[in-house]
Amino acid sequence: MRRGRLVGEAALPCPTEHLVEMMFGRVMSPPQKEGASLGEPVLVLEGVRPGERTAAEYSLSVREGEVVGLPGSRGAASAPSCAPAPVSPAGSGGPAGGRA
């Protein structure tokens, strides 16, 4: 989907380059950064389930200095599919020991 409209279909497994081209309308190359270093984890999600009807669990770790994009099926301008949960930085002693 691009701008809330279906722009193509692909069979799985689908190459990442093809998905990116469908999402953005062009082929994109990752920027080359020299000397970039990532810090400690600032957000850690473990065992997240996208709904009650699935057994699949997902995990995600985001480090300081890292940029992460999460595409969704509802489009960028739509309402979120779930309410945000309170999150504490990793190691802060917040909920679940810093794990959301």
Protein backbone atom coordinates (compact mmCIF):
# COMPACT_ATOMS: atom_id res chain seq x y z
CA MET A 1 0.00 0.00 0.00
CA ARG A 2 1.11 3.50 -0.74
CA ARG A 3 -0.82 6.53 0.54
CA GLY A 4 -3.71 4.29 1.58
CA ARG A 5 -4.08 2.64 -1.84
CA LEU A 6 -3.22 -0.86 -3.02
CA VAL A 7 -0.34 -0.55 -5.50
CA GLY A 8 0.61 -4.18 -6.04
CA GLU A 9 0.66 -7.73 -4.79
CA ALA A 10 3.49 -10.15 -4.10
CA ALA A 11 3.76 -13.79 -3.18
CA LEU A 12 5.70 -14.69 -0.05
CA PRO A 13 8.57 -14.81 0.42
CA CYS A 14 8.92 -11.44 -1.29
CA PRO A 15 12.30 -9.73 -1.71
CA THR A 16 12.66 -6.67 0.54
CA GLU A 17 13.69 -4.51 -2.42
CA HIS A 18 10.39 -5.26 -4.18
CA LEU A 19 8.33 -4.40 -1.08
CA VAL A 20 10.21 -1.12 -0.62
CA GLU A 21 9.67 -0.20 -4.27
CA MET A 22 5.93 -0.84 -3.95
CA MET A 23 5.71 1.16 -0.70
CA PHE A 24 7.70 4.20 -1.88
CA GLY A 25 7.27 4.07 -5.66
CA ARG A 26 10.99 3.77 -6.33
CA VAL A 27 14.00 1.65 -5.51
CA MET A 28 15.85 2.96 -2.48
CA SER A 29 19.37 2.16 -1.35
CA PRO A 30 20.34 2.31 2.30
CA PRO A 31 22.53 5.33 3.05
CA GLN A 32 26.18 4.60 3.62
CA LYS A 33 27.32 5.79 7.03
CA GLU A 34 30.88 5.39 8.14
CA GLY A 35 31.81 5.28 11.77
CA ALA A 36 28.22 5.04 13.02
CA SER A 37 27.97 3.25 16.32
CA LEU A 38 24.88 2.17 18.17
CA GLY A 39 24.43 2.57 21.89
CA GLU A 40 22.68 0.46 24.46
CA PRO A 41 19.08 -0.75 23.97
CA VAL A 42 16.55 1.99 24.79
CA LEU A 43 13.43 -0.01 23.89
CA VAL A 44 12.96 -3.77 24.18
CA LEU A 45 9.75 -5.62 23.31
CA GLU A 46 9.62 -9.34 23.94
CA GLY A 47 6.85 -11.85 23.26
CA VAL A 48 4.42 -9.32 21.74
CA ARG A 49 1.31 -10.82 20.15
CA PRO A 50 -0.55 -8.79 17.50
CA GLY A 51 -3.93 -10.23 18.53
CA GLU A 52 -5.67 -12.82 20.63
CA ARG A 53 -6.23 -15.18 17.68
CA THR A 54 -2.57 -15.78 16.92
CA ALA A 55 0.14 -17.80 18.57
CA ALA A 56 2.90 -15.79 16.87
CA GLU A 57 5.10 -13.74 19.17
CA TYR A 58 7.43 -10.95 18.07
CA SER A 59 10.42 -9.29 19.69
CA LEU A 60 12.14 -6.00 18.92
CA SER A 61 15.16 -4.22 20.33
CA VAL A 62 15.98 -0.60 19.43
CA ARG A 63 19.38 0.80 20.32
CA GLU A 64 20.35 4.40 20.98
CA GLY A 65 21.07 6.09 17.64
CA GLU A 66 19.00 3.59 15.64
CA VAL A 67 16.02 4.62 13.51
CA VAL A 68 13.25 2.07 13.01
CA GLY A 69 10.20 2.27 10.73
CA LEU A 70 7.22 0.00 11.24
CA PRO A 71 4.89 -0.22 8.22
CA GLY A 72 1.30 -1.17 8.88
CA SER A 73 -1.69 -2.38 6.93
CA ARG A 74 -3.86 0.65 7.80
CA GLY A 75 -1.79 3.35 6.10
CA ALA A 76 0.25 6.15 7.64
CA ALA A 77 -2.63 8.62 7.95
CA SER A 78 -5.06 6.23 9.65
CA ALA A 79 -5.86 5.76 13.31
CA PRO A 80 -3.60 3.32 15.15
CA SER A 81 -4.78 -0.28 15.27
CA CYS A 82 -4.16 -0.48 19.03
CA ALA A 83 -3.74 1.90 21.91
CA PRO A 84 -0.16 2.68 22.92
CA ALA A 85 1.06 1.12 26.13
CA PRO A 86 3.24 2.93 28.66
CA VAL A 87 6.91 2.19 27.97
CA SER A 88 9.92 2.77 30.20
CA PRO A 89 13.49 2.94 28.88
CA ALA A 90 15.35 -0.37 29.16
CA GLY A 91 17.04 -0.72 32.51
CA SER A 92 15.03 2.08 34.10
CA GLY A 93 13.28 -0.26 36.50
CA GLY A 94 9.92 0.53 34.89
CA PRO A 95 7.22 -2.02 34.01
CA ALA A 96 8.57 -5.54 33.48
CA GLY A 97 12.07 -4.44 34.44
CA GLY A 98 12.29 -1.95 31.61
CA ARG A 99 10.76 -4.28 29.05
CA ALA A 100 7.43 -3.24 27.59
